[in-house]
């Protein structure tokens, strides 16, 4: 069994591949990349919406 903390499941072939893989070595699926700024922006938006809702 492969350690799930170091792997992720490929949606193309359902095999475990290394977490840092950009392309699945089995089927060639390309994992999408999101810039850090998008992730930070989403979390800021969620936080602002929660603050607005509760206050």
N, C-alpha and C. Protein backbone atom coordinates (compact mmCIF):
# COMPACT_ATOMS: atom_id res chain seq x y z
N UNK A 1 0.84 -1.18 0.00
CA UNK A 1 0.00 0.00 0.00
C UNK A 1 0.88 1.24 0.00
N UNK A 2 0.53 2.23 -0.82
CA UNK A 2 1.30 3.46 -0.92
C UNK A 2 0.78 4.46 0.10
N UNK A 3 1.70 5.22 0.71
CA UNK A 3 1.34 6.21 1.71
C UNK A 3 0.52 7.32 1.07
N UNK A 4 -0.73 7.52 1.53
CA UNK A 4 -1.63 8.49 0.91
C UNK A 4 -1.20 9.94 1.18
N UNK A 5 -0.33 10.18 2.15
CA UNK A 5 0.16 11.53 2.41
C UNK A 5 1.14 11.97 1.33
N UNK A 6 1.75 11.03 0.61
CA UNK A 6 2.74 11.35 -0.40
C UNK A 6 2.22 11.12 -1.81
N UNK A 7 0.96 10.70 -1.92
CA UNK A 7 0.40 10.42 -3.24
C UNK A 7 -0.96 11.06 -3.40
N UNK A 8 -1.40 11.12 -4.64
CA UNK A 8 -2.75 11.57 -4.96
C UNK A 8 -3.30 10.63 -6.02
N UNK A 9 -4.62 10.57 -6.11
CA UNK A 9 -5.24 9.68 -7.08
C UNK A 9 -5.44 10.41 -8.40
N UNK A 10 -5.05 9.77 -9.45
CA UNK A 10 -5.25 10.33 -10.79
C UNK A 10 -6.71 10.13 -11.18
N UNK A 11 -7.40 11.21 -11.59
CA UNK A 11 -8.80 11.05 -12.02
C UNK A 11 -8.93 10.35 -13.37
N UNK A 12 -7.84 10.26 -14.11
CA UNK A 12 -7.88 9.61 -15.41
C UNK A 12 -7.83 8.10 -15.33
N UNK A 13 -6.98 7.57 -14.43
CA UNK A 13 -6.81 6.11 -14.38
C UNK A 13 -6.98 5.54 -12.97
N UNK A 14 -7.22 6.39 -11.97
CA UNK A 14 -7.46 5.98 -10.58
C UNK A 14 -6.25 5.32 -9.93
N UNK A 15 -5.06 5.58 -10.46
CA UNK A 15 -3.84 5.05 -9.85
C UNK A 15 -3.24 6.10 -8.91
N UNK A 16 -2.50 5.65 -7.90
CA UNK A 16 -1.80 6.56 -7.01
C UNK A 16 -0.52 7.03 -7.68
N UNK A 17 -0.34 8.34 -7.71
CA UNK A 17 0.86 8.94 -8.29
C UNK A 17 1.45 9.89 -7.26
N UNK A 18 2.73 10.24 -7.37
CA UNK A 18 3.32 11.17 -6.41
C UNK A 18 2.57 12.50 -6.38
N UNK A 19 2.45 13.10 -5.17
CA UNK A 19 1.70 14.34 -5.02
C UNK A 19 2.26 15.48 -5.85
N UNK A 20 3.55 15.48 -6.08
CA UNK A 20 4.15 16.59 -6.81
C UNK A 20 4.15 16.37 -8.33
N UNK A 21 3.53 15.31 -8.80
CA UNK A 21 3.50 15.02 -10.25
C UNK A 21 2.57 16.00 -10.96
N UNK A 22 3.04 16.55 -12.08
CA UNK A 22 2.21 17.42 -12.90
C UNK A 22 1.46 16.63 -13.96
N UNK A 23 2.03 15.49 -14.35
CA UNK A 23 1.43 14.61 -15.36
C UNK A 23 1.47 13.18 -14.83
N UNK A 24 0.38 12.46 -14.98
CA UNK A 24 0.32 11.07 -14.54
C UNK A 24 1.25 10.23 -15.41
N UNK A 25 2.17 9.47 -14.80
CA UNK A 25 3.07 8.64 -15.59
C UNK A 25 2.38 7.42 -16.21
N UNK A 26 1.18 7.10 -15.76
CA UNK A 26 0.46 5.94 -16.26
C UNK A 26 -0.35 6.29 -17.52
N UNK A 27 -1.23 7.32 -17.38
CA UNK A 27 -2.15 7.62 -18.49
C UNK A 27 -1.88 8.96 -19.17
N UNK A 28 -1.02 9.79 -18.58
CA UNK A 28 -0.69 11.07 -19.19
C UNK A 28 -1.62 12.21 -18.81
N UNK A 29 -2.51 11.98 -17.84
CA UNK A 29 -3.41 13.04 -17.39
C UNK A 29 -2.60 14.22 -16.85
N UNK A 30 -2.95 15.43 -17.28
CA UNK A 30 -2.27 16.63 -16.79
C UNK A 30 -3.08 17.24 -15.65
N UNK A 31 -2.49 17.27 -14.45
CA UNK A 31 -3.16 17.85 -13.31
C UNK A 31 -3.21 19.37 -13.46
N UNK A 32 -4.39 19.98 -13.20
CA UNK A 32 -4.49 21.43 -13.35
C UNK A 32 -3.69 22.14 -12.26
N UNK A 33 -3.15 23.29 -12.62
CA UNK A 33 -2.39 24.09 -11.67
C UNK A 33 -3.16 25.38 -11.40
N UNK A 34 -3.16 25.80 -10.15
CA UNK A 34 -3.74 27.08 -9.79
C UNK A 34 -2.65 27.92 -9.16
N UNK A 35 -2.52 29.15 -9.61
CA UNK A 35 -1.53 30.03 -8.98
C UNK A 35 -1.88 30.27 -7.52
N UNK A 36 -0.88 30.52 -6.72
CA UNK A 36 -1.09 30.77 -5.30
C UNK A 36 -2.01 31.96 -5.09
N UNK A 37 -1.93 32.96 -5.95
CA UNK A 37 -2.76 34.15 -5.79
C UNK A 37 -4.25 33.82 -5.89
N UNK A 38 -4.61 32.83 -6.71
CA UNK A 38 -6.02 32.42 -6.82
C UNK A 38 -6.47 31.78 -5.51
N UNK A 39 -5.65 30.90 -4.96
CA UNK A 39 -6.00 30.24 -3.70
C UNK A 39 -6.14 31.25 -2.58
N UNK A 40 -5.21 32.20 -2.49
CA UNK A 40 -5.26 33.22 -1.44
C UNK A 40 -6.49 34.08 -1.63
N UNK A 41 -6.79 34.46 -2.86
CA UNK A 41 -7.96 35.28 -3.14
C UNK A 41 -9.26 34.59 -2.74
N UNK A 42 -9.36 33.32 -3.01
CA UNK A 42 -10.56 32.56 -2.65
C UNK A 42 -10.72 32.52 -1.14
N UNK A 43 -9.65 32.26 -0.41
CA UNK A 43 -9.74 32.22 1.05
C UNK A 43 -10.08 33.58 1.65
N UNK A 44 -9.56 34.64 1.07
CA UNK A 44 -9.90 35.98 1.55
C UNK A 44 -11.38 36.26 1.30
N UNK A 45 -11.88 35.90 0.14
CA UNK A 45 -13.28 36.09 -0.17
C UNK A 45 -14.17 35.30 0.79
N UNK A 46 -13.81 34.06 1.07
CA UNK A 46 -14.58 33.24 2.01
C UNK A 46 -14.58 33.88 3.39
N UNK A 47 -13.43 34.33 3.83
CA UNK A 47 -13.33 34.98 5.14
C UNK A 47 -14.19 36.24 5.20
N UNK A 48 -14.14 37.07 4.16
CA UNK A 48 -14.94 38.29 4.14
C UNK A 48 -16.44 37.98 4.14
N UNK A 49 -16.85 36.97 3.39
CA UNK A 49 -18.26 36.58 3.39
C UNK A 49 -18.71 36.08 4.75
N UNK A 50 -17.86 35.30 5.41
CA UNK A 50 -18.21 34.82 6.75
C UNK A 50 -18.29 35.96 7.75
N UNK A 51 -17.36 36.89 7.68
CA UNK A 51 -17.40 38.06 8.58
C UNK A 51 -18.66 38.89 8.33
N UNK A 52 -19.01 39.10 7.06
CA UNK A 52 -20.19 39.87 6.72
C UNK A 52 -21.46 39.16 7.23
N UNK A 53 -21.48 37.86 7.11
CA UNK A 53 -22.65 37.09 7.52
C UNK A 53 -22.86 37.15 9.04
N UNK A 54 -21.77 37.03 9.79
CA UNK A 54 -21.90 36.96 11.25
C UNK A 54 -21.95 38.33 11.92
N UNK A 55 -21.54 39.37 11.23
CA UNK A 55 -21.54 40.70 11.86
C UNK A 55 -22.41 41.60 11.09
